[in-house]
Amino acid sequence: MTGSQAGLRSPAPAGRVFSEPLHRIRAVHIEVETILQSLAALHDDTPCAGCTRVCCREVMCRESVDSDFLRFVLGTRIGAYHVENGWLEPGAGCRLCHGRPLVCYEFFCEAFESPGWMQLRQLSRALKTLYANAFAGQHMLVVDDIGRITAHRLNVIQERLEALRDAADAALRQALSEKPNAEPAGLASANVRRGQAVTPDRPPFGGRRQHD
């Protein structure tokens, strides 16, 4: 994914117009996803790399096309969804660099219970939590029409999302500073702002390196 692609507005289906606050939330959400994937890729003990039990199932991937918000985040990529495999490509992993179901960032497998994964798990939980009560008591991922969310609520969500992005970015800078062969933190942060995952020696968490 190029930097220009990360900043592009998600095209609205015929007859739908999304507000500017929603477009801003989409852009920051993609930044957060990129940082979380970069943090995961920096771990030397990524359990998924050698795991023989694949957690990804089409039923889990389906949330990305069922959720109005995640469809908005996905944009034109939604057309590449596979009805049998979802976003999973056998032998390569997840084909998505943004718009993944939030369960993909929960690291619920017992293999992630080591202290080294605690910070990333906390950041991931915060991403899910900040979208709670988006409209009529519903989580943003289950709101049927995100265009009905009030401007005030969208502003609250955006502020929380930006705060999470900054916290995750600080964690990424710290992690990179502790990796002697990793990119300088400043360069990594700039890459994240352009929507590029920082992957010094392995693809983004859950799949191969993305270029689209």
N, C-alpha and C. Protein backbone atom coordinates (compact mmCIF):
# COMPACT_ATOMS: atom_id res chain seq x y z
N MET A 1 0.83 -1.19 0.00
CA MET A 1 0.00 0.00 0.00
C MET A 1 0.87 1.24 0.00
N THR A 2 0.61 2.13 -0.89
CA THR A 2 1.40 3.35 -0.95
C THR A 2 0.83 4.40 -0.03
N GLY A 3 1.64 5.47 0.21
CA GLY A 3 1.18 6.52 1.09
C GLY A 3 -0.04 7.22 0.54
N SER A 4 -0.07 7.45 -0.77
CA SER A 4 -1.21 8.14 -1.36
C SER A 4 -2.47 7.32 -1.23
N GLN A 5 -2.34 5.99 -1.32
CA GLN A 5 -3.51 5.14 -1.19
C GLN A 5 -4.08 5.20 0.21
N ALA A 6 -3.21 5.27 1.23
CA ALA A 6 -3.68 5.31 2.61
C ALA A 6 -4.50 6.55 2.87
N GLY A 7 -4.20 7.66 2.19
CA GLY A 7 -4.89 8.90 2.44
C GLY A 7 -6.10 9.11 1.57
N LEU A 8 -6.33 8.24 0.59
CA LEU A 8 -7.45 8.39 -0.30
C LEU A 8 -8.76 8.17 0.43
N ARG A 9 -9.78 8.88 0.00
CA ARG A 9 -11.09 8.67 0.57
C ARG A 9 -11.67 7.37 0.04
N SER A 10 -12.37 6.70 0.92
CA SER A 10 -13.03 5.47 0.52
C SER A 10 -14.23 5.83 -0.34
N PRO A 11 -14.31 5.28 -1.56
CA PRO A 11 -15.42 5.61 -2.44
C PRO A 11 -16.75 5.15 -1.86
N ALA A 12 -17.74 6.01 -1.89
CA ALA A 12 -19.04 5.67 -1.34
C ALA A 12 -19.87 4.93 -2.38
N PRO A 13 -20.66 3.93 -1.94
CA PRO A 13 -21.57 3.27 -2.86
C PRO A 13 -22.53 4.27 -3.46
N ALA A 14 -23.15 3.90 -4.55
CA ALA A 14 -24.07 4.81 -5.22
C ALA A 14 -25.12 5.32 -4.25
N GLY A 15 -25.29 6.63 -4.23
CA GLY A 15 -26.30 7.24 -3.39
C GLY A 15 -25.85 7.55 -1.98
N ARG A 16 -24.63 7.16 -1.59
CA ARG A 16 -24.14 7.42 -0.24
C ARG A 16 -23.03 8.46 -0.24
N VAL A 17 -23.12 9.37 0.70
CA VAL A 17 -22.09 10.39 0.87
C VAL A 17 -21.66 10.35 2.33
N PHE A 18 -20.35 10.16 2.55
CA PHE A 18 -19.84 10.09 3.91
C PHE A 18 -19.28 11.44 4.32
N SER A 19 -19.46 11.78 5.59
CA SER A 19 -19.06 13.08 6.10
C SER A 19 -17.54 13.19 6.23
N GLU A 20 -17.08 14.42 6.32
CA GLU A 20 -15.66 14.68 6.50
C GLU A 20 -15.12 14.05 7.79
N PRO A 21 -15.86 14.14 8.92
CA PRO A 21 -15.38 13.48 10.14
C PRO A 21 -15.18 11.98 9.95
N LEU A 22 -16.06 11.33 9.21
CA LEU A 22 -15.90 9.90 8.96
C LEU A 22 -14.65 9.62 8.13
N HIS A 23 -14.37 10.45 7.16
CA HIS A 23 -13.16 10.28 6.36
C HIS A 23 -11.91 10.48 7.21
N ARG A 24 -11.97 11.41 8.16
CA ARG A 24 -10.82 11.61 9.05
C ARG A 24 -10.62 10.40 9.95
N ILE A 25 -11.73 9.87 10.47
CA ILE A 25 -11.65 8.69 11.32
C ILE A 25 -11.07 7.52 10.52
N ARG A 26 -11.50 7.35 9.29
CA ARG A 26 -10.97 6.27 8.45
C ARG A 26 -9.46 6.40 8.30
N ALA A 27 -8.98 7.59 8.04
CA ALA A 27 -7.54 7.80 7.83
C ALA A 27 -6.75 7.45 9.09
N VAL A 28 -7.22 7.90 10.25
CA VAL A 28 -6.51 7.62 11.50
C VAL A 28 -6.61 6.14 11.86
N HIS A 29 -7.77 5.55 11.59
CA HIS A 29 -7.94 4.12 11.85
C HIS A 29 -6.90 3.31 11.06
N ILE A 30 -6.68 3.65 9.82
CA ILE A 30 -5.70 2.95 9.00
C ILE A 30 -4.29 3.15 9.56
N GLU A 31 -4.01 4.34 10.07
CA GLU A 31 -2.71 4.58 10.70
C GLU A 31 -2.52 3.68 11.91
N VAL A 32 -3.57 3.56 12.73
CA VAL A 32 -3.48 2.72 13.92
C VAL A 32 -3.27 1.26 13.53
N GLU A 33 -4.01 0.79 12.55
CA GLU A 33 -3.81 -0.59 12.09
C GLU A 33 -2.38 -0.82 11.64
N THR A 34 -1.85 0.13 10.91
CA THR A 34 -0.47 0.02 10.40
C THR A 34 0.53 -0.07 11.54
N ILE A 35 0.33 0.76 12.57
CA ILE A 35 1.25 0.74 13.71
C ILE A 35 1.16 -0.58 14.46
N LEU A 36 -0.06 -1.07 14.70
CA LEU A 36 -0.22 -2.33 15.41
C LEU A 36 0.44 -3.47 14.66
N GLN A 37 0.29 -3.50 13.35
CA GLN A 37 0.93 -4.55 12.56
C GLN A 37 2.45 -4.41 12.61
N SER A 38 2.93 -3.18 12.62
CA SER A 38 4.37 -2.95 12.69
C SER A 38 4.93 -3.40 14.04
N LEU A 39 4.21 -3.10 15.12
CA LEU A 39 4.64 -3.53 16.44
C LEU A 39 4.70 -5.05 16.52
N ALA A 40 3.70 -5.71 15.97
CA ALA A 40 3.68 -7.17 15.99
C ALA A 40 4.84 -7.74 15.18
N ALA A 41 5.13 -7.11 14.05
CA ALA A 41 6.19 -7.61 13.17
C ALA A 41 7.57 -7.49 13.80
N LEU A 42 7.72 -6.59 14.78
CA LEU A 42 9.01 -6.40 15.44
C LEU A 42 9.33 -7.50 16.45
N HIS A 43 8.32 -8.26 16.84
CA HIS A 43 8.55 -9.32 17.82
C HIS A 43 9.37 -10.46 17.21
N ASP A 44 10.29 -10.96 17.99
CA ASP A 44 11.10 -12.09 17.53
C ASP A 44 10.39 -13.42 17.71
N ASP A 45 9.33 -13.40 18.52
CA ASP A 45 8.66 -14.66 18.85
C ASP A 45 7.22 -14.68 18.36
N THR A 46 6.99 -14.21 17.11
CA THR A 46 5.64 -14.19 16.58
C THR A 46 5.11 -15.62 16.46
N PRO A 47 4.16 -16.01 17.31
CA PRO A 47 3.70 -17.41 17.32
C PRO A 47 3.07 -17.86 16.02
N CYS A 48 2.42 -16.96 15.31
CA CYS A 48 1.69 -17.36 14.10
C CYS A 48 2.61 -17.91 13.01
N ALA A 49 3.86 -17.45 12.99
CA ALA A 49 4.76 -17.84 11.91
C ALA A 49 4.95 -19.34 11.81
N GLY A 50 5.01 -20.02 12.96
CA GLY A 50 5.23 -21.46 12.93
C GLY A 50 4.05 -22.28 13.40
N CYS A 51 2.90 -21.64 13.55
CA CYS A 51 1.73 -22.34 14.07
C CYS A 51 1.09 -23.21 13.00
N THR A 52 0.69 -24.40 13.37
CA THR A 52 0.04 -25.32 12.43
C THR A 52 -1.48 -25.26 12.54
N ARG A 53 -1.99 -24.50 13.53
CA ARG A 53 -3.43 -24.36 13.69
C ARG A 53 -3.82 -22.94 13.26
N VAL A 54 -4.42 -22.82 12.12
CA VAL A 54 -4.76 -21.50 11.58
C VAL A 54 -6.05 -21.00 12.23
N CYS A 55 -5.95 -19.88 12.92
CA CYS A 55 -7.13 -19.32 13.59
C CYS A 55 -8.09 -18.66 12.61
N CYS A 56 -7.55 -18.10 11.53
CA CYS A 56 -8.37 -17.35 10.58
C CYS A 56 -9.39 -18.26 9.91
N ARG A 57 -10.62 -17.81 9.92
CA ARG A 57 -11.71 -18.53 9.25
C ARG A 57 -12.56 -17.50 8.50
N GLU A 58 -13.23 -17.97 7.47
CA GLU A 58 -14.05 -17.05 6.68
C GLU A 58 -15.11 -16.39 7.55
N VAL A 59 -15.63 -17.13 8.52
CA VAL A 59 -16.66 -16.57 9.38
C VAL A 59 -16.13 -15.39 10.20
N MET A 60 -14.84 -15.38 10.48
CA MET A 60 -14.24 -14.25 11.19
C MET A 60 -13.97 -13.10 10.23
N CYS A 61 -13.48 -13.44 9.05
CA CYS A 61 -13.19 -12.41 8.04
C CYS A 61 -14.46 -11.66 7.63
N ARG A 62 -15.59 -12.35 7.72
CA ARG A 62 -16.84 -11.81 7.17
C ARG A 62 -17.24 -10.50 7.80
N GLU A 63 -16.81 -10.26 9.05
CA GLU A 63 -17.18 -9.00 9.70
C GLU A 63 -16.71 -7.79 8.90
N SER A 64 -15.59 -7.95 8.18
CA SER A 64 -15.06 -6.82 7.42
C SER A 64 -15.97 -6.41 6.27
N VAL A 65 -16.81 -7.32 5.80
CA VAL A 65 -17.74 -6.98 4.72
C VAL A 65 -19.17 -6.82 5.22
N ASP A 66 -19.45 -7.34 6.42
CA ASP A 66 -20.79 -7.17 7.01
C ASP A 66 -20.92 -5.84 7.74
N SER A 67 -19.83 -5.36 8.31
CA SER A 67 -19.86 -4.11 9.08
C SER A 67 -19.83 -2.90 8.15
N ASP A 68 -20.77 -1.99 8.35
CA ASP A 68 -20.82 -0.78 7.52
C ASP A 68 -19.54 0.03 7.67
N PHE A 69 -19.02 0.12 8.89
CA PHE A 69 -17.80 0.89 9.12
C PHE A 69 -16.60 0.24 8.45
N LEU A 70 -16.43 -1.08 8.62
CA LEU A 70 -15.28 -1.74 8.02
C LEU A 70 -15.36 -1.76 6.50
N ARG A 71 -16.57 -1.84 5.95
CA ARG A 71 -16.71 -1.71 4.49
C ARG A 71 -16.23 -0.35 4.03
N PHE A 72 -16.54 0.66 4.83
CA PHE A 72 -16.08 2.02 4.52
C PHE A 72 -14.56 2.10 4.57
N VAL A 73 -13.96 1.48 5.56
CA VAL A 73 -12.50 1.47 5.68
C VAL A 73 -11.87 0.70 4.51
N LEU A 74 -12.48 -0.40 4.15
CA LEU A 74 -11.94 -1.23 3.05
C LEU A 74 -11.95 -0.50 1.72
N GLY A 75 -13.01 0.23 1.45
CA GLY A 75 -13.10 0.91 0.16
C GLY A 75 -13.23 -0.09 -0.97
N THR A 76 -12.50 0.12 -2.05
CA THR A 76 -12.62 -0.71 -3.24
C THR A 76 -12.10 -2.13 -3.03
N ARG A 77 -11.33 -2.36 -1.97
CA ARG A 77 -10.77 -3.69 -1.74
C ARG A 77 -11.85 -4.72 -1.42
N ILE A 78 -13.03 -4.27 -1.06
CA ILE A 78 -14.09 -5.19 -0.68
C ILE A 78 -14.40 -6.16 -1.82
N GLY A 79 -14.17 -5.75 -3.05
CA GLY A 79 -14.45 -6.61 -4.20
C GLY A 79 -13.55 -7.82 -4.30
N ALA A 80 -12.45 -7.83 -3.53
CA ALA A 80 -11.51 -8.95 -3.58
C ALA A 80 -11.82 -10.02 -2.55
N TYR A 81 -12.93 -9.86 -1.84
CA TYR A 81 -13.27 -10.83 -0.79
C TYR A 81 -13.61 -12.18 -1.40
N HIS A 82 -13.08 -13.25 -0.79
CA HIS A 82 -13.32 -14.61 -1.25
C HIS A 82 -14.37 -15.26 -0.37
N VAL A 83 -15.43 -15.78 -0.99
CA VAL A 83 -16.56 -16.29 -0.21
C VAL A 83 -16.20 -17.53 0.60
N GLU A 84 -15.16 -18.24 0.22
CA GLU A 84 -14.77 -19.45 0.95
C GLU A 84 -13.61 -19.20 1.92
N ASN A 85 -12.63 -18.42 1.49
CA ASN A 85 -11.43 -18.19 2.31
C ASN A 85 -11.40 -16.84 2.99
N GLY A 86 -12.35 -15.98 2.69
CA GLY A 86 -12.31 -14.63 3.25
C GLY A 86 -11.10 -13.89 2.74
N TRP A 87 -10.28 -13.39 3.67
CA TRP A 87 -9.05 -12.68 3.30
C TRP A 87 -7.81 -13.54 3.46
N LEU A 88 -8.01 -14.78 3.85
CA LEU A 88 -6.87 -15.67 4.06
C LEU A 88 -6.41 -16.30 2.75
N GLU A 89 -5.13 -16.15 2.49
CA GLU A 89 -4.53 -16.80 1.34
C GLU A 89 -3.65 -17.93 1.83
N PRO A 90 -4.02 -19.17 1.56
CA PRO A 90 -3.26 -20.31 2.06
C PRO A 90 -1.77 -20.20 1.73
N GLY A 91 -0.96 -20.38 2.75
CA GLY A 91 0.49 -20.31 2.57
C GLY A 91 1.06 -18.91 2.66
N ALA A 92 0.19 -17.90 2.67
CA ALA A 92 0.67 -16.52 2.72
C ALA A 92 0.09 -15.73 3.89
N GLY A 93 -1.12 -16.09 4.31
CA GLY A 93 -1.73 -15.37 5.42
C GLY A 93 -2.77 -14.36 4.99
N CYS A 94 -3.00 -13.37 5.82
CA CYS A 94 -4.03 -12.36 5.57
C CYS A 94 -3.62 -11.45 4.42
N ARG A 95 -4.57 -11.18 3.53
CA ARG A 95 -4.30 -10.30 2.39
C ARG A 95 -4.62 -8.84 2.69
N LEU A 96 -5.14 -8.58 3.89
CA LEU A 96 -5.56 -7.22 4.22
C LEU A 96 -4.50 -6.45 4.99
N CYS A 97 -4.25 -5.22 4.60
CA CYS A 97 -3.39 -4.35 5.38
C CYS A 97 -4.21 -3.34 6.17
N HIS A 98 -5.46 -3.14 5.81
CA HIS A 98 -6.35 -2.30 6.61
C HIS A 98 -7.79 -2.76 6.39
N GLY A 99 -8.63 -2.43 7.36
CA GLY A 99 -10.02 -2.87 7.31
C GLY A 99 -10.24 -4.25 7.88
N ARG A 100 -9.25 -4.76 8.63
CA ARG A 100 -9.40 -6.09 9.24
C ARG A 100 -10.43 -6.04 10.36
N PRO A 101 -11.15 -7.14 10.59
CA PRO A 101 -12.01 -7.21 11.78
C PRO A 101 -11.16 -6.97 13.03
N LEU A 102 -11.71 -6.29 14.00
CA LEU A 102 -10.91 -5.94 15.18
C LEU A 102 -10.51 -7.16 15.99
N VAL A 103 -11.24 -8.27 15.82
CA VAL A 103 -10.86 -9.49 16.52
C VAL A 103 -9.46 -9.94 16.09
N CYS A 104 -9.03 -9.55 14.91
CA CYS A 104 -7.70 -9.92 14.41
C CYS A 104 -6.59 -9.30 15.26
N TYR A 105 -6.92 -8.25 16.00
CA TYR A 105 -5.91 -7.57 16.81
C TYR A 105 -6.06 -7.90 18.30
N GLU A 106 -6.92 -8.84 18.64
CA GLU A 106 -7.13 -9.15 20.05
C GLU A 106 -6.12 -10.15 20.59
N PHE A 107 -5.41 -10.85 19.72
CA PHE A 107 -4.36 -11.79 20.15
C PHE A 107 -4.86 -12.69 21.27
N PHE A 108 -6.04 -13.32 21.03
CA PHE A 108 -6.68 -14.11 22.07
C PHE A 108 -6.03 -15.48 22.28
N CYS A 109 -5.16 -15.89 21.37
CA CYS A 109 -4.50 -17.19 21.51
C CYS A 109 -3.60 -17.18 22.74
N GLU A 110 -3.54 -18.33 23.43
CA GLU A 110 -2.71 -18.43 24.64
C GLU A 110 -1.23 -18.21 24.33
N ALA A 111 -0.85 -18.35 23.07
CA ALA A 111 0.55 -18.14 22.69
C ALA A 111 0.98 -16.69 22.86
N PHE A 112 0.01 -15.78 22.98
CA PHE A 112 0.32 -14.36 23.13
C PHE A 112 0.23 -13.89 24.58
N GLU A 113 0.21 -14.80 25.52
CA GLU A 113 0.06 -14.43 26.92
C GLU A 113 1.36 -14.08 27.60
N SER A 114 2.47 -14.14 26.89
CA SER A 114 3.75 -13.78 27.49
C SER A 114 3.81 -12.28 27.73
N PRO A 115 4.58 -11.84 28.72
CA PRO A 115 4.65 -10.41 29.07
C PRO A 115 5.04 -9.52 27.90
N GLY A 116 5.82 -10.04 26.97
CA GLY A 116 6.28 -9.24 25.86
C GLY A 116 5.18 -8.74 24.95
N TRP A 117 4.04 -9.42 24.98
CA TRP A 117 2.91 -9.03 24.13
C TRP A 117 1.89 -8.19 24.86
N MET A 118 2.11 -7.92 26.15
CA MET A 118 1.11 -7.25 26.95
C MET A 118 0.77 -5.85 26.42
N GLN A 119 1.79 -5.06 26.10
CA GLN A 119 1.53 -3.70 25.64
C GLN A 119 0.72 -3.69 24.35
N LEU A 120 1.09 -4.54 23.41
CA LEU A 120 0.37 -4.60 22.14
C LEU A 120 -1.07 -5.04 22.35
N ARG A 121 -1.29 -5.98 23.24
CA ARG A 121 -2.65 -6.43 23.52
C ARG A 121 -3.47 -5.31 24.15
N GLN A 122 -2.86 -4.51 25.00
CA GLN A 122 -3.57 -3.39 25.62
C GLN A 122 -3.96 -2.35 24.58
N LEU A 123 -3.04 -2.05 23.67
CA LEU A 123 -3.34 -1.09 22.61
C LEU A 123 -4.46 -1.60 21.71
N SER A 124 -4.43 -2.89 21.42
CA SER A 124 -5.44 -3.48 20.56
C SER A 124 -6.81 -3.46 21.22
N ARG A 125 -6.84 -3.75 22.51
CA ARG A 125 -8.12 -3.69 23.24
C ARG A 125 -8.67 -2.27 23.26
N ALA A 126 -7.77 -1.31 23.38
CA ALA A 126 -8.20 0.09 23.39
C ALA A 126 -8.83 0.48 22.06
N LEU A 127 -8.33 -0.08 20.96
CA LEU A 127 -8.90 0.22 19.64
C LEU A 127 -10.34 -0.26 19.58
N LYS A 128 -10.60 -1.44 20.10
CA LYS A 128 -11.97 -1.96 20.09
C LYS A 128 -12.86 -1.16 21.02
N THR A 129 -12.35 -0.83 22.20
CA THR A 129 -13.16 -0.16 23.21
C THR A 129 -13.59 1.24 22.80
N LEU A 130 -12.74 1.98 22.10
CA LEU A 130 -13.05 3.38 21.80
C LEU A 130 -14.23 3.53 20.84
N TYR A 131 -14.59 2.45 20.15
CA TYR A 131 -15.72 2.50 19.22
C TYR A 131 -17.03 2.10 19.89
N ALA A 132 -16.99 1.82 21.19
CA ALA A 132 -18.22 1.43 21.91
C ALA A 132 -19.20 2.60 21.98
N ASN A 133 -20.47 2.29 22.03
CA ASN A 133 -21.52 3.30 22.19
C ASN A 133 -21.43 4.39 21.14
N ALA A 134 -21.23 3.98 19.91
CA ALA A 134 -21.11 4.96 18.82
C ALA A 134 -22.47 5.54 18.44
N PHE A 135 -23.49 4.69 18.48
CA PHE A 135 -24.84 5.16 18.11
C PHE A 135 -25.88 4.28 18.78
N ALA A 136 -26.76 4.89 19.52
CA ALA A 136 -27.86 4.17 20.19
C ALA A 136 -27.35 3.00 21.02
N GLY A 137 -26.23 3.20 21.69
CA GLY A 137 -25.67 2.18 22.55
C GLY A 137 -24.94 1.07 21.80
N GLN A 138 -24.82 1.18 20.50
CA GLN A 138 -24.19 0.14 19.70
C GLN A 138 -22.72 0.43 19.43
N HIS A 139 -21.95 -0.65 19.35
CA HIS A 139 -20.56 -0.54 18.93
C HIS A 139 -20.53 -0.12 17.47
N MET A 140 -19.53 0.65 17.08
CA MET A 140 -19.48 1.19 15.72
C MET A 140 -19.47 0.09 14.66
N LEU A 141 -18.92 -1.07 15.00
CA LEU A 141 -18.85 -2.14 14.00
C LEU A 141 -20.21 -2.76 13.69
N VAL A 142 -21.19 -2.53 14.55
CA VAL A 142 -22.51 -3.12 14.30
C VAL A 142 -23.56 -2.06 13.96
N VAL A 143 -23.16 -0.81 13.85
CA VAL A 143 -24.10 0.24 13.44
C VAL A 143 -24.43 0.02 11.96
N ASP A 144 -25.71 -0.11 11.65
CA ASP A 144 -26.12 -0.41 10.28
C ASP A 144 -25.77 0.69 9.29
N ASP A 145 -25.88 1.93 9.74
CA ASP A 145 -25.61 3.07 8.87
C ASP A 145 -24.76 4.07 9.64
N ILE A 146 -23.45 4.08 9.39
CA ILE A 146 -22.56 4.96 10.15
C ILE A 146 -22.82 6.43 9.86
N GLY A 147 -23.55 6.70 8.79
CA GLY A 147 -23.91 8.08 8.49
C GLY A 147 -24.87 8.67 9.49
N ARG A 148 -25.48 7.85 10.33
CA ARG A 148 -26.43 8.33 11.33
C ARG A 148 -25.74 8.73 12.63
N ILE A 149 -24.47 8.44 12.77
CA ILE A 149 -23.75 8.79 13.99
C ILE A 149 -23.60 10.32 14.05
N THR A 150 -23.87 10.90 15.19
CA THR A 150 -23.86 12.36 15.32
C THR A 150 -22.45 12.93 15.17
N ALA A 151 -22.38 14.17 14.75
CA ALA A 151 -21.09 14.84 14.58
C ALA A 151 -20.34 14.91 15.90
N HIS A 152 -21.07 15.15 16.99
CA HIS A 152 -20.41 15.21 18.30
C HIS A 152 -19.77 13.88 18.65
N ARG A 153 -20.50 12.79 18.42
CA ARG A 153 -19.95 11.48 18.76
C ARG A 153 -18.76 11.15 17.87
N LEU A 154 -18.83 11.52 16.61
CA LEU A 154 -17.70 11.28 15.71
C LEU A 154 -16.47 12.05 16.16
N ASN A 155 -16.67 13.27 16.65
CA ASN A 155 -15.54 14.06 17.15
C ASN A 155 -14.91 13.40 18.37
N VAL A 156 -15.74 12.85 19.24
CA VAL A 156 -15.23 12.14 20.43
C VAL A 156 -14.41 10.93 19.99
N ILE A 157 -14.95 10.17 19.05
CA ILE A 157 -14.26 8.98 18.55
C ILE A 157 -12.93 9.37 17.90
N GLN A 158 -12.95 10.42 17.11
CA GLN A 158 -11.72 10.84 16.44
C GLN A 158 -10.65 11.26 17.45
N GLU A 159 -11.05 12.00 18.47
CA GLU A 159 -10.09 12.42 19.49
C GLU A 159 -9.47 11.22 20.21
N ARG A 160 -10.30 10.25 20.55
CA ARG A 160 -9.79 9.05 21.22
C ARG A 160 -8.91 8.24 20.29
N LEU A 161 -9.28 8.18 19.03
CA LEU A 161 -8.50 7.43 18.05
C LEU A 161 -7.14 8.08 17.83
N GLU A 162 -7.12 9.40 17.77
CA GLU A 162 -5.84 10.11 17.59
C GLU A 162 -4.94 9.92 18.81
N ALA A 163 -5.55 9.92 20.01
CA ALA A 163 -4.76 9.69 21.23
C ALA A 163 -4.18 8.28 21.23
N LEU A 164 -4.97 7.32 20.78
CA LEU A 164 -4.47 5.94 20.70
C LEU A 164 -3.36 5.84 19.66
N ARG A 165 -3.54 6.50 18.53
CA ARG A 165 -2.49 6.49 17.50
C ARG A 165 -1.18 7.04 18.05
N ASP A 166 -1.26 8.13 18.79
CA ASP A 166 -0.04 8.73 19.34
C ASP A 166 0.61 7.81 20.37
N ALA A 167 -0.21 7.14 21.19
CA ALA A 167 0.33 6.21 22.18
C ALA A 167 0.98 5.01 21.48
N ALA A 168 0.34 4.50 20.45
CA ALA A 168 0.89 3.37 19.71
C ALA A 168 2.16 3.78 18.97
N ASP A 169 2.17 4.98 18.44
CA ASP A 169 3.34 5.48 17.73
C ASP A 169 4.53 5.61 18.69
N ALA A 170 4.26 6.07 19.92
CA ALA A 170 5.32 6.18 20.92
C ALA A 170 5.85 4.79 21.27
N ALA A 171 4.95 3.82 21.36
CA ALA A 171 5.38 2.45 21.65
C ALA A 171 6.22 1.89 20.52
N LEU A 172 5.86 2.23 19.29
CA LEU A 172 6.64 1.77 18.14
C LEU A 172 8.03 2.40 18.12
N ARG A 173 8.09 3.69 18.43
CA ARG A 173 9.39 4.36 18.49
C ARG A 173 10.29 3.71 19.54
N GLN A 174 9.69 3.42 20.71
CA GLN A 174 10.45 2.80 21.78
C GLN A 174 10.93 1.42 21.37
N ALA A 175 10.05 0.65 20.75
CA ALA A 175 10.42 -0.70 20.32
C ALA A 175 11.54 -0.67 19.28
N LEU A 176 11.47 0.29 18.38
CA LEU A 176 12.50 0.40 17.34
C LEU A 176 13.84 0.83 17.93
N SER A 177 13.78 1.66 18.98
CA SER A 177 15.03 2.11 19.60
C SER A 177 15.75 0.96 20.29
N GLU A 178 15.00 -0.08 20.62
CA GLU A 178 15.58 -1.24 21.29
C GLU A 178 16.01 -2.32 20.29
N LYS A 179 15.77 -2.05 19.00
CA LYS A 179 16.17 -2.99 17.95
C LYS A 179 17.36 -2.40 17.20
N PRO A 180 18.57 -2.88 17.44
CA PRO A 180 19.75 -2.28 16.82
C PRO A 180 19.75 -2.29 15.31
N ASN A 181 19.08 -3.25 14.69
CA ASN A 181 19.09 -3.34 13.24
C ASN A 181 17.82 -2.83 12.59
N ALA A 182 16.92 -2.28 13.41
CA ALA A 182 15.67 -1.78 12.86
C ALA A 182 15.85 -0.37 12.33
N GLU A 183 14.85 0.12 11.60
CA GLU A 183 14.90 1.47 11.07
C GLU A 183 14.91 2.48 12.21
N PRO A 184 15.50 3.66 11.99
CA PRO A 184 15.43 4.72 13.00
C PRO A 184 13.97 5.06 13.29
N ALA A 185 13.71 5.41 14.55
CA ALA A 185 12.33 5.67 14.95
C ALA A 185 11.69 6.77 14.13
N GLY A 186 12.42 7.80 13.80
CA GLY A 186 11.85 8.89 13.03
C GLY A 186 11.39 8.44 11.66
N LEU A 187 12.19 7.62 11.00
CA LEU A 187 11.84 7.11 9.69
C LEU A 187 10.64 6.18 9.79
N ALA A 188 10.63 5.36 10.82
CA ALA A 188 9.52 4.44 11.01
C ALA A 188 8.22 5.20 11.22
N SER A 189 8.29 6.23 12.05
CA SER A 189 7.09 7.01 12.31
C SER A 189 6.60 7.67 11.03
N ALA A 190 7.51 8.16 10.20
CA ALA A 190 7.12 8.77 8.94
C ALA A 190 6.47 7.75 8.03
N ASN A 191 7.00 6.52 8.01
CA ASN A 191 6.40 5.47 7.20
C ASN A 191 4.98 5.17 7.65
N VAL A 192 4.79 5.15 8.97
CA VAL A 192 3.46 4.89 9.50
C VAL A 192 2.51 5.99 9.07
N ARG A 193 2.96 7.22 9.11
CA ARG A 193 2.10 8.33 8.69
C ARG A 193 1.72 8.20 7.22
N ARG A 194 2.57 7.55 6.42
CA ARG A 194 2.27 7.34 5.01
C ARG A 194 1.49 6.04 4.80
N GLY A 195 1.19 5.35 5.89
CA GLY A 195 0.40 4.14 5.77
C GLY A 195 1.19 2.91 5.44
N GLN A 196 2.50 2.92 5.68
CA GLN A 196 3.34 1.77 5.37
C GLN A 196 3.76 1.10 6.67
N ALA A 197 3.53 -0.20 6.76
CA ALA A 197 3.94 -0.93 7.95
C ALA A 197 5.46 -1.01 8.01
N VAL A 198 5.99 -0.93 9.23
CA VAL A 198 7.43 -1.06 9.44
C VAL A 198 7.74 -2.53 9.58
N THR A 199 8.40 -3.11 8.60
CA THR A 199 8.65 -4.55 8.59
C THR A 199 10.12 -4.81 8.31
N PRO A 200 10.98 -4.75 9.32
CA PRO A 200 12.41 -4.90 9.11
C PRO A 200 12.82 -6.26 8.58
N ASP A 201 12.14 -7.35 8.98
CA ASP A 201 12.59 -8.65 8.51
C ASP A 201 11.46 -9.65 8.34
N ARG A 202 10.21 -9.20 8.42
CA ARG A 202 9.09 -10.12 8.22
C ARG A 202 7.87 -9.32 7.81
N PRO A 203 6.86 -10.00 7.21
CA PRO A 203 5.67 -9.30 6.75
C PRO A 203 4.80 -8.85 7.91
N PRO A 204 3.77 -8.00 7.65
CA PRO A 204 2.87 -7.56 8.70
C PRO A 204 2.23 -8.74 9.39
N PHE A 205 1.86 -8.52 10.67
CA PHE A 205 1.27 -9.60 11.46
C PHE A 205 0.10 -10.24 10.73
N GLY A 206 0.14 -11.57 10.67
CA GLY A 206 -0.97 -12.31 10.11
C GLY A 206 -0.89 -12.54 8.62
N GLY A 207 0.15 -12.04 7.95
CA GLY A 207 0.19 -12.25 6.51
C GLY A 207 1.46 -11.74 5.89
N ARG A 208 1.46 -11.72 4.57
CA ARG A 208 2.63 -11.31 3.84
C ARG A 208 2.64 -9.80 3.66
N ARG A 209 3.74 -9.27 3.17
CA ARG A 209 3.86 -7.83 2.93
C ARG A 209 2.88 -7.40 1.85
N GLN A 210 2.25 -6.27 2.06
CA GLN A 210 1.25 -5.79 1.12
C GLN A 210 1.81 -4.68 0.25
N HIS A 211 1.36 -4.63 -1.01
CA HIS A 211 1.82 -3.58 -1.91
C HIS A 211 0.66 -2.86 -2.58
N ASP A 212 -0.59 -3.22 -2.28
CA ASP A 212 -1.70 -2.63 -2.98
C ASP A 212 -2.51 -1.70 -2.10
